[in-house]
Amino acid sequence: LGARARIGLVALATDYTIEHELNRVFAHVPGVALYVSRIGMDNEVTRE
């Protein structure tokens, strides 16, 4: 998988959307695969 490109993604633990939308785009390009990790993030989005 990912014979043409392997793309890594660090997604927020709180994000419901990004993987779904990126995979929908990459599905149009054969040989591209997305590999995802999550990063800890509070539900409340503040500067801190």
All heavy atoms as atom14 arrays in JSON, in Angstrom:
{
  "sequence": "LGARARIGLVALATDYTIEHELNRVFAHVPGVALYVSRIGMDNEVTRE",
  "atom14_mask": [
    [1, 1, 1, 1, 1, 1, 1, 1, 0, 0, 0, 0, 0, 0],
    [1, 1, 1, 1, 0, 0, 0, 0, 0, 0, 0, 0, 0, 0],
    [1, 1, 1, 1, 1, 0, 0, 0, 0, 0, 0, 0, 0, 0],
    [1, 1, 1, 1, 1, 1, 1, 1, 1, 1, 1, 0, 0, 0],
    [1, 1, 1, 1, 1, 0, 0, 0, 0, 0, 0, 0, 0, 0],
    [1, 1, 1, 1, 1, 1, 1, 1, 1, 1, 1, 0, 0, 0],
    [1, 1, 1, 1, 1, 1, 1, 1, 0, 0, 0, 0, 0, 0],
    [1, 1, 1, 1, 0, 0, 0, 0, 0, 0, 0, 0, 0, 0],
    [1, 1, 1, 1, 1, 1, 1, 1, 0, 0, 0, 0, 0, 0],
    [1, 1, 1, 1, 1, 1, 1, 0, 0, 0, 0, 0, 0, 0],
    [1, 1, 1, 1, 1, 0, 0, 0, 0, 0, 0, 0, 0, 0],
    [1, 1, 1, 1, 1, 1, 1, 1, 0, 0, 0, 0, 0, 0],
    [1, 1, 1, 1, 1, 0, 0, 0, 0, 0, 0, 0, 0, 0],
    [1, 1, 1, 1, 1, 1, 1, 0, 0, 0, 0, 0, 0, 0],
    [1, 1, 1, 1, 1, 1, 1, 1, 0, 0, 0, 0, 0, 0],
    [1, 1, 1, 1, 1, 1, 1, 1, 1, 1, 1, 1, 0, 0],
    [1, 1, 1, 1, 1, 1, 1, 0, 0, 0, 0, 0, 0, 0],
    [1, 1, 1, 1, 1, 1, 1, 1, 0, 0, 0, 0, 0, 0],
    [1, 1, 1, 1, 1, 1, 1, 1, 1, 0, 0, 0, 0, 0],
    [1, 1, 1, 1, 1, 1, 1, 1, 1, 1, 0, 0, 0, 0],
    [1, 1, 1, 1, 1, 1, 1, 1, 1, 0, 0, 0, 0, 0],
    [1, 1, 1, 1, 1, 1, 1, 1, 0, 0, 0, 0, 0, 0],
    [1, 1, 1, 1, 1, 1, 1, 1, 0, 0, 0, 0, 0, 0],
    [1, 1, 1, 1, 1, 1, 1, 1, 1, 1, 1, 0, 0, 0],
    [1, 1, 1, 1, 1, 1, 1, 0, 0, 0, 0, 0, 0, 0],
    [1, 1, 1, 1, 1, 1, 1, 1, 1, 1, 1, 0, 0, 0],
    [1, 1, 1, 1, 1, 0, 0, 0, 0, 0, 0, 0, 0, 0],
    [1, 1, 1, 1, 1, 1, 1, 1, 1, 1, 0, 0, 0, 0],
    [1, 1, 1, 1, 1, 1, 1, 0, 0, 0, 0, 0, 0, 0],
    [1, 1, 1, 1, 1, 1, 1, 0, 0, 0, 0, 0, 0, 0],
    [1, 1, 1, 1, 0, 0, 0, 0, 0, 0, 0, 0, 0, 0],
    [1, 1, 1, 1, 1, 1, 1, 0, 0, 0, 0, 0, 0, 0],
    [1, 1, 1, 1, 1, 0, 0, 0, 0, 0, 0, 0, 0, 0],
    [1, 1, 1, 1, 1, 1, 1, 1, 0, 0, 0, 0, 0, 0],
    [1, 1, 1, 1, 1, 1, 1, 1, 1, 1, 1, 1, 0, 0],
    [1, 1, 1, 1, 1, 1, 1, 0, 0, 0, 0, 0, 0, 0],
    [1, 1, 1, 1, 1, 1, 0, 0, 0, 0, 0, 0, 0, 0],
    [1, 1, 1, 1, 1, 1, 1, 1, 1, 1, 1, 0, 0, 0],
    [1, 1, 1, 1, 1, 1, 1, 1, 0, 0, 0, 0, 0, 0],
    [1, 1, 1, 1, 0, 0, 0, 0, 0, 0, 0, 0, 0, 0],
    [1, 1, 1, 1, 1, 1, 1, 1, 0, 0, 0, 0, 0, 0],
    [1, 1, 1, 1, 1, 1, 1, 1, 0, 0, 0, 0, 0, 0],
    [1, 1, 1, 1, 1, 1, 1, 1, 0, 0, 0, 0, 0, 0],
    [1, 1, 1, 1, 1, 1, 1, 1, 1, 0, 0, 0, 0, 0],
    [1, 1, 1, 1, 1, 1, 1, 0, 0, 0, 0, 0, 0, 0],
    [1, 1, 1, 1, 1, 1, 1, 0, 0, 0, 0, 0, 0, 0],
    [1, 1, 1, 1, 1, 1, 1, 1, 1, 1, 1, 0, 0, 0],
    [1, 1, 1, 1, 1, 1, 1, 1, 1, 0, 0, 0, 0, 0]
  ],
  "atom14_positions": [
    [[0.84, -1.19, 0.0], [0.0, 0.0, 0.0], [0.88, 1.24, 0.0], [1.97, 1.25, 0.55], [-0.91, 0.0, 1.22], [-1.96, -1.12, 1.29], [-2.69, -1.06, 2.63], [-2.94, -1.02, 0.14], [0.0, 0.0, 0.0], [0.0, 0.0, 0.0], [0.0, 0.0, 0.0], [0.0, 0.0, 0.0], [0.0, 0.0, 0.0], [0.0, 0.0, 0.0]],
    [[0.37, 2.3, -0.6], [1.14, 3.54, -0.67], [2.32, 3.43, -1.59], [3.37, 4.02, -1.34], [0.0, 0.0, 0.0], [0.0, 0.0, 0.0], [0.0, 0.0, 0.0], [0.0, 0.0, 0.0], [0.0, 0.0, 0.0], [0.0, 0.0, 0.0], [0.0, 0.0, 0.0], [0.0, 0.0, 0.0], [0.0, 0.0, 0.0], [0.0, 0.0, 0.0]],
    [[2.18, 2.69, -2.68], [3.3, 2.48, -3.59], [3.78, 3.78, -4.22], [4.96, 3.93, -4.55], [2.9, 1.49, -4.69], [0.0, 0.0, 0.0], [0.0, 0.0, 0.0], [0.0, 0.0, 0.0], [0.0, 0.0, 0.0], [0.0, 0.0, 0.0], [0.0, 0.0, 0.0], [0.0, 0.0, 0.0], [0.0, 0.0, 0.0], [0.0, 0.0, 0.0]],
    [[2.87, 4.74, -4.39], [3.26, 6.04, -4.98], [3.58, 7.07, -3.91], [4.43, 7.94, -4.11], [2.15, 6.57, -5.89], [1.89, 5.7, -7.1], [0.75, 6.25, -7.91], [1.1, 7.5, -8.56], [0.19, 8.35, -9.06], [-1.11, 8.07, -8.96], [0.58, 9.47, -9.65], [0.0, 0.0, 0.0], [0.0, 0.0, 0.0], [0.0, 0.0, 0.0]],
    [[2.87, 7.0, -2.78], [3.14, 7.96, -1.7], [2.54, 7.44, -0.41], [1.41, 6.96, -0.37], [2.55, 9.33, -2.03], [0.0, 0.0, 0.0], [0.0, 0.0, 0.0], [0.0, 0.0, 0.0], [0.0, 0.0, 0.0], [0.0, 0.0, 0.0], [0.0, 0.0, 0.0], [0.0, 0.0, 0.0], [0.0, 0.0, 0.0], [0.0, 0.0, 0.0]],
    [[3.34, 7.56, 0.65], [2.88, 7.25, 2.0], [2.89, 8.55, 2.78], [3.95, 9.17, 2.97], [3.76, 6.19, 2.66], [3.65, 4.83, 2.0], [4.4, 3.74, 2.76], [4.15, 2.42, 2.18], [5.0, 1.79, 1.36], [6.17, 2.36, 1.08], [4.69, 0.62, 0.86], [0.0, 0.0, 0.0], [0.0, 0.0, 0.0], [0.0, 0.0, 0.0]],
    [[1.71, 8.95, 3.23], [1.54, 10.22, 3.93], [1.22, 9.93, 5.39], [0.28, 9.19, 5.7], [0.38, 11.04, 3.32], [0.55, 11.16, 1.79], [0.28, 12.4, 4.0], [1.77, 11.9, 1.35], [0.0, 0.0, 0.0], [0.0, 0.0, 0.0], [0.0, 0.0, 0.0], [0.0, 0.0, 0.0], [0.0, 0.0, 0.0], [0.0, 0.0, 0.0]],
    [[2.01, 10.5, 6.3], [1.73, 10.38, 7.73], [0.92, 11.57, 8.21], [1.08, 12.69, 7.72], [0.0, 0.0, 0.0], [0.0, 0.0, 0.0], [0.0, 0.0, 0.0], [0.0, 0.0, 0.0], [0.0, 0.0, 0.0], [0.0, 0.0, 0.0], [0.0, 0.0, 0.0], [0.0, 0.0, 0.0], [0.0, 0.0, 0.0], [0.0, 0.0, 0.0]],
    [[0.04, 11.33, 9.15], [-0.8, 12.39, 9.72], [-0.81, 12.27, 11.23], [-1.1, 11.2, 11.77], [-2.24, 12.29, 9.2], [-3.29, 13.15, 9.92], [-3.01, 14.64, 9.71], [-4.69, 12.78, 9.47], [0.0, 0.0, 0.0], [0.0, 0.0, 0.0], [0.0, 0.0, 0.0], [0.0, 0.0, 0.0], [0.0, 0.0, 0.0], [0.0, 0.0, 0.0]],
    [[-0.49, 13.36, 11.92], [-0.71, 13.47, 13.36], [-2.01, 14.23, 13.55], [-2.07, 15.45, 13.33], [0.45, 14.19, 14.06], [0.16, 14.31, 15.56], [1.77, 13.43, 13.84], [0.0, 0.0, 0.0], [0.0, 0.0, 0.0], [0.0, 0.0, 0.0], [0.0, 0.0, 0.0], [0.0, 0.0, 0.0], [0.0, 0.0, 0.0], [0.0, 0.0, 0.0]],
    [[-3.06, 13.53, 13.91], [-4.38, 14.12, 14.08], [-4.64, 14.36, 15.56], [-4.13, 13.65, 16.43], [-5.46, 13.19, 13.52], [0.0, 0.0, 0.0], [0.0, 0.0, 0.0], [0.0, 0.0, 0.0], [0.0, 0.0, 0.0], [0.0, 0.0, 0.0], [0.0, 0.0, 0.0], [0.0, 0.0, 0.0], [0.0, 0.0, 0.0], [0.0, 0.0, 0.0]],
    [[-5.42, 15.38, 15.85], [-5.78, 15.64, 17.24], [-6.67, 14.53, 17.78], [-7.53, 13.99, 17.08], [-6.52, 16.97, 17.37], [-5.86, 18.23, 16.82], [-6.57, 19.47, 17.38], [-4.38, 18.28, 17.13], [0.0, 0.0, 0.0], [0.0, 0.0, 0.0], [0.0, 0.0, 0.0], [0.0, 0.0, 0.0], [0.0, 0.0, 0.0], [0.0, 0.0, 0.0]],
    [[-6.48, 14.2, 19.04], [-7.32, 13.18, 19.67], [-8.79, 13.56, 19.63], [-9.66, 12.69, 19.66], [-6.88, 12.97, 21.12], [0.0, 0.0, 0.0], [0.0, 0.0, 0.0], [0.0, 0.0, 0.0], [0.0, 0.0, 0.0], [0.0, 0.0, 0.0], [0.0, 0.0, 0.0], [0.0, 0.0, 0.0], [0.0, 0.0, 0.0], [0.0, 0.0, 0.0]],
    [[-9.07, 14.86, 19.52], [-10.45, 15.36, 19.55], [-11.06, 15.56, 18.17], [-12.2, 15.99, 18.06], [-10.49, 16.7, 20.3], [-9.57, 17.61, 19.67], [-10.11, 16.52, 21.76], [0.0, 0.0, 0.0], [0.0, 0.0, 0.0], [0.0, 0.0, 0.0], [0.0, 0.0, 0.0], [0.0, 0.0, 0.0], [0.0, 0.0, 0.0], [0.0, 0.0, 0.0]],
    [[-10.32, 15.26, 17.1], [-10.77, 15.58, 15.74], [-11.58, 14.43, 15.15], [-11.08, 13.33, 15.0], [-9.56, 15.9, 14.86], [-9.93, 16.57, 13.55], [-10.9, 16.13, 12.9], [-9.26, 17.54, 13.17], [0.0, 0.0, 0.0], [0.0, 0.0, 0.0], [0.0, 0.0, 0.0], [0.0, 0.0, 0.0], [0.0, 0.0, 0.0], [0.0, 0.0, 0.0]],
    [[-12.82, 14.72, 14.77], [-13.71, 13.73, 14.17], [-13.63, 13.7, 12.64], [-14.18, 12.8, 12.01], [-15.17, 14.04, 14.52], [-15.58, 13.83, 15.95], [-15.07, 14.6, 16.99], [-16.54, 12.86, 16.28], [-15.47, 14.42, 18.3], [-16.96, 12.67, 17.59], [-16.41, 13.45, 18.59], [-16.82, 13.27, 19.9], [0.0, 0.0, 0.0], [0.0, 0.0, 0.0]],
    [[-12.99, 14.69, 12.03], [-13.22, 14.99, 10.62], [-12.03, 14.75, 9.71], [-12.19, 14.29, 8.59], [-13.66, 16.47, 10.48], [-14.75, 16.73, 11.36], [-14.06, 16.81, 9.06], [0.0, 0.0, 0.0], [0.0, 0.0, 0.0], [0.0, 0.0, 0.0], [0.0, 0.0, 0.0], [0.0, 0.0, 0.0], [0.0, 0.0, 0.0], [0.0, 0.0, 0.0]],
    [[-10.83, 15.05, 10.16], [-9.69, 15.15, 9.24], [-9.39, 13.86, 8.51], [-9.16, 13.87, 7.28], [-8.45, 15.7, 9.97], [-7.32, 15.98, 8.96], [-7.98, 14.77, 11.08], [-6.16, 16.76, 9.54], [0.0, 0.0, 0.0], [0.0, 0.0, 0.0], [0.0, 0.0, 0.0], [0.0, 0.0, 0.0], [0.0, 0.0, 0.0], [0.0, 0.0, 0.0]],
    [[-9.38, 12.73, 9.19], [-9.06, 11.47, 8.51], [-10.06, 11.18, 7.41], [-9.69, 10.75, 6.31], [-9.06, 10.31, 9.51], [-7.9, 10.32, 10.48], [-8.08, 9.25, 11.54], [-7.82, 8.06, 11.22], [-8.45, 9.58, 12.67], [0.0, 0.0, 0.0], [0.0, 0.0, 0.0], [0.0, 0.0, 0.0], [0.0, 0.0, 0.0], [0.0, 0.0, 0.0]],
    [[-11.33, 11.4, 7.71], [-12.39, 11.14, 6.73], [-12.19, 11.98, 5.48], [-12.23, 11.46, 4.35], [-13.75, 11.44, 7.37], [-14.9, 11.37, 6.42], [-15.4, 10.18, 5.96], [-15.63, 12.35, 5.83], [-16.4, 10.42, 5.13], [-16.56, 11.73, 5.03], [0.0, 0.0, 0.0], [0.0, 0.0, 0.0], [0.0, 0.0, 0.0], [0.0, 0.0, 0.0]],
    [[-11.9, 13.27, 5.64], [-11.8, 14.14, 4.48], [-10.51, 13.9, 3.7], [-10.51, 13.89, 2.47], [-11.94, 15.6, 4.89], [-13.35, 15.94, 5.39], [-13.68, 17.41, 5.39], [-12.75, 18.25, 5.46], [-14.88, 17.74, 5.33], [0.0, 0.0, 0.0], [0.0, 0.0, 0.0], [0.0, 0.0, 0.0], [0.0, 0.0, 0.0], [0.0, 0.0, 0.0]],
    [[-9.4, 13.7, 4.38], [-8.16, 13.42, 3.66], [-8.25, 12.1, 2.89], [-7.8, 12.02, 1.74], [-6.97, 13.39, 4.63], [-6.16, 14.7, 4.75], [-7.03, 15.86, 5.19], [-4.98, 14.54, 5.66], [0.0, 0.0, 0.0], [0.0, 0.0, 0.0], [0.0, 0.0, 0.0], [0.0, 0.0, 0.0], [0.0, 0.0, 0.0], [0.0, 0.0, 0.0]],
    [[-8.81, 11.09, 3.51], [-8.94, 9.81, 2.81], [-9.86, 9.93, 1.6], [-9.65, 9.24, 0.59], [-9.46, 8.74, 3.77], [-8.34, 8.04, 4.51], [-7.32, 7.69, 3.92], [-8.52, 7.82, 5.8], [0.0, 0.0, 0.0], [0.0, 0.0, 0.0], [0.0, 0.0, 0.0], [0.0, 0.0, 0.0], [0.0, 0.0, 0.0], [0.0, 0.0, 0.0]],
    [[-10.85, 10.77, 1.67], [-11.73, 10.96, 0.51], [-10.97, 11.58, -0.65], [-11.2, 11.23, -1.81], [-12.93, 11.83, 0.89], [-13.97, 11.09, 1.73], [-15.21, 11.91, 1.93], [-15.75, 12.36, 0.67], [-16.5, 13.45, 0.53], [-16.79, 14.19, 1.58], [-16.96, 13.79, -0.65], [0.0, 0.0, 0.0], [0.0, 0.0, 0.0], [0.0, 0.0, 0.0]],
    [[-10.09, 12.52, -0.36], [-9.26, 13.11, -1.43], [-8.29, 12.08, -1.98], [-8.18, 11.87, -3.19], [-8.52, 14.35, -0.92], [-7.58, 14.88, -2.01], [-9.49, 15.44, -0.49], [0.0, 0.0, 0.0], [0.0, 0.0, 0.0], [0.0, 0.0, 0.0], [0.0, 0.0, 0.0], [0.0, 0.0, 0.0], [0.0, 0.0, 0.0], [0.0, 0.0, 0.0]],
    [[-7.55, 11.42, -1.09], [-6.52, 10.48, -1.54], [-7.09, 9.27, -2.27], [-6.38, 8.63, -3.06], [-5.68, 10.02, -0.34], [-4.88, 11.11, 0.31], [-4.52, 11.03, 1.65], [-4.49, 12.25, -0.4], [-3.77, 12.03, 2.25], [-3.75, 13.25, 0.19], [-3.39, 13.15, 1.53], [0.0, 0.0, 0.0], [0.0, 0.0, 0.0], [0.0, 0.0, 0.0]],
    [[-8.36, 8.97, -2.06], [-8.98, 7.85, -2.77], [-9.02, 8.08, -4.27], [-9.13, 7.13, -5.05], [-10.4, 7.62, -2.24], [0.0, 0.0, 0.0], [0.0, 0.0, 0.0], [0.0, 0.0, 0.0], [0.0, 0.0, 0.0], [0.0, 0.0, 0.0], [0.0, 0.0, 0.0], [0.0, 0.0, 0.0], [0.0, 0.0, 0.0], [0.0, 0.0, 0.0]],
    [[-8.91, 9.35, -4.68], [-8.9, 9.68, -6.11], [-7.52, 9.47, -6.75], [-7.39, 9.6, -7.97], [-9.32, 11.14, -6.32], [-10.75, 11.42, -5.98], [-11.79, 11.15, -6.85], [-11.32, 11.93, -4.87], [-12.93, 11.49, -6.29], [-12.67, 11.97, -5.09], [0.0, 0.0, 0.0], [0.0, 0.0, 0.0], [0.0, 0.0, 0.0], [0.0, 0.0, 0.0]],
    [[-6.51, 9.19, -5.94], [-5.14, 9.09, -6.45], [-4.61, 7.7, -6.12], [-4.14, 7.45, -5.01], [-4.23, 10.18, -5.83], [-2.87, 10.19, -6.54], [-4.88, 11.55, -5.9], [0.0, 0.0, 0.0], [0.0, 0.0, 0.0], [0.0, 0.0, 0.0], [0.0, 0.0, 0.0], [0.0, 0.0, 0.0], [0.0, 0.0, 0.0], [0.0, 0.0, 0.0]],
    [[-4.68, 6.77, -7.06], [-4.24, 5.39, -6.78], [-2.79, 5.36, -6.3], [-1.93, 6.1, -6.79], [-4.38, 4.7, -8.15], [-5.42, 5.5, -8.88], [-5.21, 6.91, -8.43], [0.0, 0.0, 0.0], [0.0, 0.0, 0.0], [0.0, 0.0, 0.0], [0.0, 0.0, 0.0], [0.0, 0.0, 0.0], [0.0, 0.0, 0.0], [0.0, 0.0, 0.0]],
    [[-2.56, 4.5, -5.33], [-1.21, 4.32, -4.82], [-0.82, 5.26, -3.71], [0.34, 5.26, -3.27], [0.0, 0.0, 0.0], [0.0, 0.0, 0.0], [0.0, 0.0, 0.0], [0.0, 0.0, 0.0], [0.0, 0.0, 0.0], [0.0, 0.0, 0.0], [0.0, 0.0, 0.0], [0.0, 0.0, 0.0], [0.0, 0.0, 0.0], [0.0, 0.0, 0.0]],
    [[-1.76, 6.06, -3.21], [-1.49, 6.96, -2.09], [-2.18, 6.41, -0.85], [-3.36, 6.05, -0.89], [-1.99, 8.39, -2.38], [-1.83, 9.28, -1.15], [-1.22, 8.98, -3.56], [0.0, 0.0, 0.0], [0.0, 0.0, 0.0], [0.0, 0.0, 0.0], [0.0, 0.0, 0.0], [0.0, 0.0, 0.0], [0.0, 0.0, 0.0], [0.0, 0.0, 0.0]],
    [[-1.45, 6.33, 0.25], [-2.01, 5.8, 1.49], [-1.73, 6.76, 2.64], [-0.66, 7.38, 2.71], [-1.43, 4.42, 1.8], [0.0, 0.0, 0.0], [0.0, 0.0, 0.0], [0.0, 0.0, 0.0], [0.0, 0.0, 0.0], [0.0, 0.0, 0.0], [0.0, 0.0, 0.0], [0.0, 0.0, 0.0], [0.0, 0.0, 0.0], [0.0, 0.0, 0.0]],
    [[-2.69, 6.86, 3.54], [-2.59, 7.73, 4.72], [-2.41, 6.88, 5.96], [-3.15, 5.92, 6.19], [-3.86, 8.58, 4.86], [-3.91, 9.57, 6.02], [-2.92, 10.71, 5.79], [-5.32, 10.14, 6.19], [0.0, 0.0, 0.0], [0.0, 0.0, 0.0], [0.0, 0.0, 0.0], [0.0, 0.0, 0.0], [0.0, 0.0, 0.0], [0.0, 0.0, 0.0]],
    [[-1.42, 7.24, 6.79], [-1.13, 6.53, 8.03], [-1.22, 7.52, 9.18], [-0.55, 8.55, 9.16], [0.24, 5.87, 7.95], [0.29, 4.85, 6.85], [0.74, 5.2, 5.58], [-0.17, 3.55, 7.05], [0.75, 4.27, 4.55], [-0.16, 2.62, 6.03], [0.3, 2.98, 4.78], [0.29, 2.05, 3.76], [0.0, 0.0, 0.0], [0.0, 0.0, 0.0]],
    [[-2.02, 7.2, 10.2], [-2.45, 8.19, 11.18], [-2.01, 7.83, 12.59], [-2.1, 6.68, 13.02], [-3.98, 8.36, 11.15], [-4.43, 9.47, 12.1], [-4.46, 8.66, 9.73], [0.0, 0.0, 0.0], [0.0, 0.0, 0.0], [0.0, 0.0, 0.0], [0.0, 0.0, 0.0], [0.0, 0.0, 0.0], [0.0, 0.0, 0.0], [0.0, 0.0, 0.0]],
    [[-1.54, 8.84, 13.29], [-1.31, 8.79, 14.73], [-2.16, 9.88, 15.37], [-2.58, 10.83, 14.7], [0.17, 9.03, 15.04], [0.4, 9.12, 16.43], [0.0, 0.0, 0.0], [0.0, 0.0, 0.0], [0.0, 0.0, 0.0], [0.0, 0.0, 0.0], [0.0, 0.0, 0.0], [0.0, 0.0, 0.0], [0.0, 0.0, 0.0], [0.0, 0.0, 0.0]],
    [[-2.42, 9.75, 16.65], [-3.19, 10.78, 17.37], [-2.31, 11.45, 18.42], [-1.4, 10.84, 18.97], [-4.41, 10.14, 18.05], [-5.49, 9.65, 17.06], [-6.46, 10.75, 16.74], [-7.42, 10.39, 15.69], [-8.54, 11.04, 15.47], [-8.85, 12.08, 16.23], [-9.34, 10.68, 14.5], [0.0, 0.0, 0.0], [0.0, 0.0, 0.0], [0.0, 0.0, 0.0]],
    [[-2.61, 12.71, 18.68], [-1.9, 13.48, 19.69], [-2.89, 13.98, 20.74], [-3.99, 14.4, 20.41], [-1.14, 14.66, 19.05], [-0.26, 15.38, 20.07], [-2.08, 15.62, 18.34], [0.7, 16.39, 19.45], [0.0, 0.0, 0.0], [0.0, 0.0, 0.0], [0.0, 0.0, 0.0], [0.0, 0.0, 0.0], [0.0, 0.0, 0.0], [0.0, 0.0, 0.0]],
    [[-2.5, 13.89, 22.01], [-3.38, 14.32, 23.09], [-3.77, 15.78, 22.97], [-2.92, 16.65, 22.73], [0.0, 0.0, 0.0], [0.0, 0.0, 0.0], [0.0, 0.0, 0.0], [0.0, 0.0, 0.0], [0.0, 0.0, 0.0], [0.0, 0.0, 0.0], [0.0, 0.0, 0.0], [0.0, 0.0, 0.0], [0.0, 0.0, 0.0], [0.0, 0.0, 0.0]],
    [[-5.05, 16.06, 23.14], [-5.57, 17.43, 23.06], [-6.86, 17.5, 23.86], [-7.69, 16.59, 23.79], [-5.83, 17.8, 21.6], [-6.58, 19.11, 21.38], [-5.67, 20.56, 21.98], [-6.89, 21.85, 21.67], [0.0, 0.0, 0.0], [0.0, 0.0, 0.0], [0.0, 0.0, 0.0], [0.0, 0.0, 0.0], [0.0, 0.0, 0.0], [0.0, 0.0, 0.0]],
    [[-7.02, 18.57, 24.64], [-8.25, 18.78, 25.38], [-9.38, 19.15, 24.42], [-9.15, 19.68, 23.33], [-8.08, 19.92, 26.39], [-7.07, 19.58, 27.48], [-6.73, 18.39, 27.61], [-6.63, 20.51, 28.18], [0.0, 0.0, 0.0], [0.0, 0.0, 0.0], [0.0, 0.0, 0.0], [0.0, 0.0, 0.0], [0.0, 0.0, 0.0], [0.0, 0.0, 0.0]],
    [[-10.61, 18.89, 24.83], [-11.76, 19.28, 24.01], [-11.84, 20.79, 23.84], [-12.29, 21.28, 22.8], [-13.07, 18.77, 24.63], [-13.29, 17.29, 24.36], [-12.68, 16.7, 23.47], [-14.17, 16.67, 25.14], [0.0, 0.0, 0.0], [0.0, 0.0, 0.0], [0.0, 0.0, 0.0], [0.0, 0.0, 0.0], [0.0, 0.0, 0.0], [0.0, 0.0, 0.0]],
    [[-11.42, 21.53, 24.87], [-11.5, 22.99, 24.8], [-10.3, 23.54, 24.06], [-9.15, 23.31, 24.42], [-11.57, 23.61, 26.19], [-11.81, 25.11, 26.16], [-11.96, 25.72, 27.54], [-11.7, 25.01, 28.52], [-12.33, 26.9, 27.63], [0.0, 0.0, 0.0], [0.0, 0.0, 0.0], [0.0, 0.0, 0.0], [0.0, 0.0, 0.0], [0.0, 0.0, 0.0]],
    [[-10.56, 24.3, 23.0], [-9.5, 24.87, 22.18], [-9.15, 26.26, 22.7], [-9.92, 27.22, 22.55], [-9.94, 24.95, 20.7], [-8.85, 25.59, 19.84], [-10.27, 23.55, 20.18], [0.0, 0.0, 0.0], [0.0, 0.0, 0.0], [0.0, 0.0, 0.0], [0.0, 0.0, 0.0], [0.0, 0.0, 0.0], [0.0, 0.0, 0.0], [0.0, 0.0, 0.0]],
    [[-8.0, 26.36, 23.33], [-7.5, 27.64, 23.83], [-6.03, 27.77, 23.43], [-5.41, 26.8, 22.99], [-7.6, 27.72, 25.37], [-6.67, 26.77, 25.94], [-9.0, 27.41, 25.86], [0.0, 0.0, 0.0], [0.0, 0.0, 0.0], [0.0, 0.0, 0.0], [0.0, 0.0, 0.0], [0.0, 0.0, 0.0], [0.0, 0.0, 0.0], [0.0, 0.0, 0.0]],
    [[-5.47, 28.94, 23.61], [-4.05, 29.13, 23.32], [-3.21, 28.15, 24.14], [-2.22, 27.59, 23.65], [-3.62, 30.56, 23.62], [-4.19, 31.61, 22.69], [-3.56, 32.97, 22.96], [-2.24, 33.07, 22.32], [-1.09, 32.87, 22.94], [-1.07, 32.53, 24.22], [0.07, 32.98, 22.3], [0.0, 0.0, 0.0], [0.0, 0.0, 0.0], [0.0, 0.0, 0.0]],
    [[-3.61, 27.93, 25.38], [-2.84, 27.07, 26.28], [-2.91, 25.6, 25.88], [-1.89, 24.9, 25.84], [-3.32, 27.26, 27.72], [-3.04, 28.63, 28.31], [-3.9, 29.75, 27.73], [-5.02, 29.46, 27.26], [-3.43, 30.92, 27.72], [0.0, 0.0, 0.0], [0.0, 0.0, 0.0], [0.0, 0.0, 0.0], [0.0, 0.0, 0.0], [0.0, 0.0, 0.0]]
  ]
}
